[in-house]
PDB file of N, CA and C in Angstrom:
ATOM      1  N   MET A   1      74.803 132.266  30.117  1.00  0.00           N
ATOM      2  CA  MET A   1      74.297 131.440  28.806  1.00  0.00           C
ATOM      3  C   MET A   1      75.107 131.312  27.678  1.00  0.00           C
ATOM      4  N   ILE A   2      75.281 130.212  27.356  1.00  0.00           N
ATOM      5  CA  ILE A   2      75.906 130.172  25.861  1.00  0.00           C
ATOM      6  C   ILE A   2      74.756 130.184  24.869  1.00  0.00           C
ATOM      7  N   SER A   3      74.742 131.161  23.874  1.00  0.00           N
ATOM      8  CA  SER A   3      73.914 130.938  22.512  1.00  0.00           C
ATOM      9  C   SER A   3      74.512 130.598  21.494  1.00  0.00           C
ATOM     10  N   TYR A   4      73.950 129.698  20.837  1.00  0.00           N
ATOM     11  CA  TYR A   4      74.281 129.387  19.578  1.00  0.00           C
ATOM     12  C   TYR A   4      74.047 129.974  18.347  1.00  0.00           C
ATOM     13  N   ALA A   5      73.408 131.160  18.294  1.00  0.00           N
ATOM     14  CA  ALA A   5      72.991 132.116  17.604  1.00  0.00           C
ATOM     15  C   ALA A   5      74.092 132.132  16.502  1.00  0.00           C
ATOM     16  N   PRO A   6      75.160 132.448  16.732  1.00  0.00           N
ATOM     17  CA  PRO A   6      76.302 132.827  15.638  1.00  0.00           C
ATOM     18  C   PRO A   6      76.188 131.233  14.620  1.00  0.00           C
ATOM     19  N   PHE A   7      76.092 130.122  15.341  1.00  0.00           N
ATOM     20  CA  PHE A   7      76.162 129.112  14.454  1.00  0.00           C
ATOM     21  C   PHE A   7      75.065 128.883  13.354  1.00  0.00           C
ATOM     22  N   TRP A   8      73.862 129.419  13.682  1.00  0.00           N
ATOM     23  CA  TRP A   8      72.822 129.552  12.789  1.00  0.00           C
ATOM     24  C   TRP A   8      73.417 130.737  11.548  1.00  0.00           C
ATOM     25  N   GLU A   9      73.644 131.545  11.778  1.00  0.00           N
ATOM     26  CA  GLU A   9      73.978 132.527  10.914  1.00  0.00           C
ATOM     27  C   GLU A   9      75.516 132.110  10.106  1.00  0.00           C
ATOM     28  N   THR A  10      76.353 131.419  10.459  1.00  0.00           N
ATOM     29  CA  THR A  10      77.189 130.902  10.169  1.00  0.00           C
ATOM     30  C   THR A  10      76.985 129.891   9.025  1.00  0.00           C
ATOM     31  N   LEU A  11      76.062 129.042   9.169  1.00  0.00           N
ATOM     32  CA  LEU A  11      75.306 128.095   8.306  1.00  0.00           C
ATOM     33  C   LEU A  11      74.874 129.019   7.050  1.00  0.00           C
ATOM     34  N   LYS A  12      74.150 129.926   7.418  1.00  0.00           N
ATOM     35  CA  LYS A  12      73.430 130.749   6.197  1.00  0.00           C
ATOM     36  C   LYS A  12      74.568 131.113   5.379  1.00  0.00           C
ATOM     37  N   ARG A  13      75.620 131.956   5.974  1.00  0.00           N
ATOM     38  CA  ARG A  13      76.704 132.412   5.461  1.00  0.00           C
ATOM     39  C   ARG A  13      77.479 131.673   4.653  1.00  0.00           C
ATOM     40  N   LYS A  14      77.800 130.445   5.100  1.00  0.00           N
ATOM     41  CA  LYS A  14      78.696 129.081   4.381  1.00  0.00           C
ATOM     42  C   LYS A  14      77.627 128.378   3.410  1.00  0.00           C
ATOM     43  N   ASN A  15      76.347 128.868   3.439  1.00  0.00           N
ATOM     44  CA  ASN A  15      75.243 127.938   2.656  1.00  0.00           C
ATOM     45  C   ASN A  15      75.335 126.418   2.816  1.00  0.00           C
ATOM     46  N   VAL A  16      75.440 126.201   4.136  1.00  0.00           N
ATOM     47  CA  VAL A  16      75.380 124.671   4.720  1.00  0.00           C
ATOM     48  C   VAL A  16      73.953 124.398   5.261  1.00  0.00           C
ATOM     49  N   THR A  17      73.490 123.285   4.897  1.00  0.00           N
ATOM     50  CA  THR A  17      72.375 122.939   5.536  1.00  0.00           C
ATOM     51  C   THR A  17      72.265 121.926   6.701  1.00  0.00           C
ATOM     52  N   THR A  18      71.566 121.762   7.552  1.00  0.00           N
ATOM     53  CA  THR A  18      71.500 120.971   8.790  1.00  0.00           C
ATOM     54  C   THR A  18      71.485 119.542   8.285  1.00  0.00           C
ATOM     55  N   TYR A  19      70.785 119.375   6.927  1.00  0.00           N
ATOM     56  CA  TYR A  19      70.515 118.030   6.393  1.00  0.00           C
ATOM     57  C   TYR A  19      72.051 117.541   5.771  1.00  0.00           C
ATOM     58  N   THR A  20      72.861 118.302   5.348  1.00  0.00           N
ATOM     59  CA  THR A  20      74.236 118.382   4.862  1.00  0.00           C
ATOM     60  C   THR A  20      75.138 117.928   6.411  1.00  0.00           C
ATOM     61  N   LEU A  21      74.942 118.552   7.333  1.00  0.00           N
ATOM     62  CA  LEU A  21      75.457 118.300   8.750  1.00  0.00           C
ATOM     63  C   LEU A  21      75.217 116.838   9.042  1.00  0.00           C
ATOM     64  N   ARG A  22      73.940 116.609   8.921  1.00  0.00           N
ATOM     65  CA  ARG A  22      73.535 115.270   9.400  1.00  0.00           C
ATOM     66  C   ARG A  22      74.047 114.093   8.657  1.00  0.00           C
ATOM     67  N   GLU A  23      73.646 114.030   7.225  1.00  0.00           N
ATOM     68  CA  GLU A  23      73.775 113.312   6.630  1.00  0.00           C
ATOM     69  C   GLU A  23      75.548 113.093   5.834  1.00  0.00           C
ATOM     70  N   LYS A  24      76.377 114.137   5.826  1.00  0.00           N
ATOM     71  CA  LYS A  24      77.531 114.210   5.198  1.00  0.00           C
ATOM     72  C   LYS A  24      78.660 114.062   6.329  1.00  0.00           C
ATOM     73  N   HIS A  25      78.418 114.620   7.143  1.00  0.00           N
ATOM     74  CA  HIS A  25      79.325 114.930   8.512  1.00  0.00           C
ATOM     75  C   HIS A  25      79.234 114.237   9.702  1.00  0.00           C
ATOM     76  N   ASN A  26      77.643 113.324   9.465  1.00  0.00           N
ATOM     77  CA  ASN A  26      77.111 112.515  10.787  1.00  0.00           C
ATOM     78  C   ASN A  26      76.945 113.263  12.272  1.00  0.00           C
ATOM     79  N   ILE A  27      76.625 114.605  12.012  1.00  0.00           N
ATOM     80  CA  ILE A  27      76.373 115.522  13.320  1.00  0.00           C
ATOM     81  C   ILE A  27      75.041 115.032  13.684  1.00  0.00           C
ATOM     82  N   SER A  28      74.799 114.444  14.744  1.00  0.00           N
ATOM     83  CA  SER A  28      73.539 113.933  15.255  1.00  0.00           C
ATOM     84  C   SER A  28      72.108 114.895  15.037  1.00  0.00           C
ATOM     85  N   PRO A  29      71.191 114.535  15.084  1.00  0.00           N
ATOM     86  CA  PRO A  29      69.888 115.360  15.074  1.00  0.00           C
ATOM     87  C   PRO A  29      69.689 115.729  16.541  1.00  0.00           C
ATOM     88  N   ASN A  30      70.071 115.106  17.438  1.00  0.00           N
ATOM     89  CA  ASN A  30      70.052 115.371  18.984  1.00  0.00           C
ATOM     90  C   ASN A  30      71.051 116.728  19.048  1.00  0.00           C
ATOM     91  N   THR A  31      72.076 116.633  18.357  1.00  0.00           N
ATOM     92  CA  THR A  31      73.143 117.857  18.621  1.00  0.00           C
ATOM     93  C   THR A  31      72.532 119.150  18.429  1.00  0.00           C
ATOM     94  N   LEU A  32      71.629 119.089  17.130  1.00  0.00           N
ATOM     95  CA  LEU A  32      71.169 120.071  16.555  1.00  0.00           C
ATOM     96  C   LEU A  32      69.981 120.720  17.303  1.00  0.00           C
ATOM     97  N   THR A  33      69.320 119.789  17.901  1.00  0.00           N
ATOM     98  CA  THR A  33      68.280 120.050  18.874  1.00  0.00           C
ATOM     99  C   THR A  33      68.332 121.089  19.654  1.00  0.00           C
ATOM    100  N   ARG A  34      69.853 120.390  20.497  1.00  0.00           N
ATOM    101  CA  ARG A  34      70.507 121.076  21.611  1.00  0.00           C
ATOM    102  C   ARG A  34      71.045 122.307  21.216  1.00  0.00           C
ATOM    103  N   MET A  35      71.344 122.719  20.150  1.00  0.00           N
ATOM    104  CA  MET A  35      71.746 123.937  19.772  1.00  0.00           C
ATOM    105  C   MET A  35      70.691 124.717  19.569  1.00  0.00           C
ATOM    106  N   LYS A  36      69.747 124.291  19.189  1.00  0.00           N
ATOM    107  CA  LYS A  36      68.435 125.360  19.030  1.00  0.00           C
ATOM    108  C   LYS A  36      68.052 125.827  20.299  1.00  0.00           C
ATOM    109  N   ASN A  37      68.100 124.760  21.080  1.00  0.00           N
ATOM    110  CA  ASN A  37      67.753 125.321  22.833  1.00  0.00           C
ATOM    111  C   ASN A  37      68.862 125.627  23.674  1.00  0.00           C
ATOM    112  N   ASN A  38      70.015 126.112  22.867  1.00  0.00           N
ATOM    113  CA  ASN A  38      71.098 126.526  23.501  1.00  0.00           C
ATOM    114  C   ASN A  38      71.358 125.814  24.943  1.00  0.00           C
ATOM    115  N   ARG A  39      71.445 124.515  24.595  1.00  0.00           N
ATOM    116  CA  ARG A  39      71.832 123.462  25.705  1.00  0.00           C
ATOM    117  C   ARG A  39      73.152 123.201  25.461  1.00  0.00           C
ATOM    118  N   TYR A  40      73.783 122.559  26.501  1.00  0.00           N
ATOM    119  CA  TYR A  40      75.284 122.293  26.607  1.00  0.00           C
ATOM    120  C   TYR A  40      75.823 121.446  25.392  1.00  0.00           C
ATOM    121  N   LEU A  41      76.781 121.621  24.912  1.00  0.00           N
ATOM    122  CA  LEU A  41      77.527 120.786  23.932  1.00  0.00           C
ATOM    123  C   LEU A  41      79.048 120.529  24.726  1.00  0.00           C
ATOM    124  N   SER A  42      79.249 119.393  24.170  1.00  0.00           N
ATOM    125  CA  SER A  42      81.075 118.900  24.366  1.00  0.00           C
ATOM    126  C   SER A  42      81.747 120.040  23.726  1.00  0.00           C
ATOM    127  N   MET A  43      82.798 120.692  24.001  1.00  0.00           N
ATOM    128  CA  MET A  43      83.978 121.185  23.356  1.00  0.00           C
ATOM    129  C   MET A  43      84.324 120.406  22.079  1.00  0.00           C
ATOM    130  N   ARG A  44      84.154 118.911  22.298  1.00  0.00           N
ATOM    131  CA  ARG A  44      84.672 118.116  21.142  1.00  0.00           C
ATOM    132  C   ARG A  44      83.692 118.384  19.807  1.00  0.00           C
ATOM    133  N   THR A  45      82.433 118.512  20.222  1.00  0.00           N
ATOM    134  CA  THR A  45      81.129 118.692  19.320  1.00  0.00           C
ATOM    135  C   THR A  45      81.700 120.103  18.450  1.00  0.00           C
ATOM    136  N   VAL A  46      81.879 120.940  19.392  1.00  0.00           N
ATOM    137  CA  VAL A  46      82.196 122.488  18.998  1.00  0.00           C
ATOM    138  C   VAL A  46      83.438 122.621  18.176  1.00  0.00           C
ATOM    139  N   GLU A  47      84.295 121.825  18.549  1.00  0.00           N
ATOM    140  CA  GLU A  47      85.615 121.803  17.643  1.00  0.00           C
ATOM    141  C   GLU A  47      85.491 121.258  16.053  1.00  0.00           C
ATOM    142  N   ASP A  48      84.659 120.043  16.332  1.00  0.00           N
ATOM    143  CA  ASP A  48      84.251 119.138  15.023  1.00  0.00           C
ATOM    144  C   ASP A  48      83.186 120.163  14.100  1.00  0.00           C
ATOM    145  N   LEU A  49      82.565 121.088  14.662  1.00  0.00           N
ATOM    146  CA  LEU A  49      81.586 121.984  13.896  1.00  0.00           C
ATOM    147  C   LEU A  49      82.614 123.093  13.126  1.00  0.00           C
ATOM    148  N   CYS A  50      83.772 123.460  14.148  1.00  0.00           N
ATOM    149  CA  CYS A  50      84.470 124.485  13.699  1.00  0.00           C
ATOM    150  C   CYS A  50      85.269 124.015  12.412  1.00  0.00           C
ATOM    151  N   LYS A  51      85.870 122.705  12.535  1.00  0.00           N
ATOM    152  CA  LYS A  51      86.578 122.181  11.520  1.00  0.00           C
ATOM    153  C   LYS A  51      85.691 121.717  10.276  1.00  0.00           C
ATOM    154  N   ILE A  52      84.263 121.242  10.589  1.00  0.00           N
ATOM    155  CA  ILE A  52      83.636 121.124   9.189  1.00  0.00           C
ATOM    156  C   ILE A  52      83.191 122.610   8.527  1.00  0.00           C
ATOM    157  N   LEU A  53      82.774 123.640   9.334  1.00  0.00           N
ATOM    158  CA  LEU A  53      82.526 124.971   8.632  1.00  0.00           C
ATOM    159  C   LEU A  53      83.548 125.942   8.368  1.00  0.00           C
ATOM    160  N   ASP A  54      84.926 125.210   8.639  1.00  0.00           N
ATOM    161  CA  ASP A  54      85.907 125.967   8.645  1.00  0.00           C
ATOM    162  C   ASP A  54      85.887 127.679   9.045  1.00  0.00           C
ATOM    163  N   CYS A  55      85.774 127.195  10.573  1.00  0.00           N
ATOM    164  CA  CYS A  55      85.303 128.790  11.053  1.00  0.00           C
ATOM    165  C   CYS A  55      85.833 128.849  12.677  1.00  0.00           C
ATOM    166  N   ARG A  56      85.578 129.975  13.286  1.00  0.00           N
ATOM    167  CA  ARG A  56      86.432 130.009  14.473  1.00  0.00           C
ATOM    168  C   ARG A  56      85.135 129.642  15.571  1.00  0.00           C
ATOM    169  N   LEU A  57      85.546 129.714  16.736  1.00  0.00           N
ATOM    170  CA  LEU A  57      84.678 129.542  17.946  1.00  0.00           C
ATOM    171  C   LEU A  57      83.577 130.360  17.953  1.00  0.00           C
ATOM    172  N   GLU A  58      83.931 131.612  18.223  1.00  0.00           N
ATOM    173  CA  GLU A  58      83.061 132.803  17.992  1.00  0.00           C
ATOM    174  C   GLU A  58      81.876 132.633  16.841  1.00  0.00           C
ATOM    175  N   ASP A  59      82.112 131.986  15.930  1.00  0.00           N
ATOM    176  CA  ASP A  59      81.347 131.772  14.779  1.00  0.00           C
ATOM    177  C   ASP A  59      80.112 130.806  15.075  1.00  0.00           C
ATOM    178  N   ILE A  60      80.240 129.819  16.009  1.00  0.00           N
ATOM    179  CA  ILE A  60      79.553 128.835  16.553  1.00  0.00           C
ATOM    180  C   ILE A  60      78.803 129.276  17.718  1.00  0.00           C
ATOM    181  N   ALA A  61      79.249 130.033  18.665  1.00  0.00           N
ATOM    182  CA  ALA A  61      78.619 130.106  20.292  1.00  0.00           C
ATOM    183  C   ALA A  61      79.162 131.739  20.430  1.00  0.00           C
ATOM    184  N   GLU A  62      78.323 132.177  21.565  1.00  0.00           N
ATOM    185  CA  GLU A  62      78.744 133.467  22.194  1.00  0.00           C
ATOM    186  C   GLU A  62      78.121 133.369  23.454  1.00  0.00           C
ATOM    187  N   TYR A  63      78.664 133.878  24.773  1.00  0.00           N
ATOM    188  CA  TYR A  63      78.387 134.003  26.291  1.00  0.00           C
ATOM    189  C   TYR A  63      77.459 135.286  26.305  1.00  0.00           C
ATOM    190  N   ILE A  64      76.455 134.796  26.872  1.00  0.00           N
ATOM    191  CA  ILE A  64      75.309 135.930  27.153  1.00  0.00           C
ATOM    192  C   ILE A  64      75.108 136.130  28.715  1.00  0.00           C
ATOM    193  N   PRO A  65      76.050 137.115  29.457  1.00  0.00           N
ATOM    194  CA  PRO A  65      75.628 137.033  30.858  1.00  0.00           C
ATOM    195  C   PRO A  65      74.232 136.832  31.273  1.00  0.00           C
ATOM    196  N   ASP A  66      74.145 136.189  32.203  1.00  0.00           N
ATOM    197  CA  ASP A  66      72.607 136.274  32.761  1.00  0.00           C
ATOM    198  C   ASP A  66      72.341 137.737  33.593  1.00  0.00           C
ATOM    199  N   LYS A  67      71.050 138.062  33.332  1.00  0.00           N
ATOM    200  CA  LYS A  67      70.700 139.111  34.027  1.00  0.00           C
ATOM    201  C   LYS A  67      70.154 138.987  35.216  1.00  0.00           C
ATOM    202  N   ARG A  68      70.699 139.895  36.189  1.00  0.00           N
ATOM    203  CA  ARG A  68      70.546 139.515  37.748  1.00  0.00           C
ATOM    204  C   ARG A  68      69.571 140.627  38.310  1.00  0.00           C
TER     205      ARG A  68
END
C-alpha cells in the first residue's frame, strides 16, 4: 500500500495549507481527498507536489507492505 502520511507532515513542516495548494497551485480537491484515503495518484501529480513543496518523493509517499 502507498501511504501519503509523509505528505501531511511535509505540509505542516513547510507551513503550507491545503487551501494554498488548491488556490495558488491548482491542486484539485479530489487529489487531496484521494491522498487522505491513500488512493492512487499519477506520478505526474506526485512530481508536481514535489516541485511545489520543494521536497523529495519520500516526503510525499511511502510504501507499506501488505500484511499477509
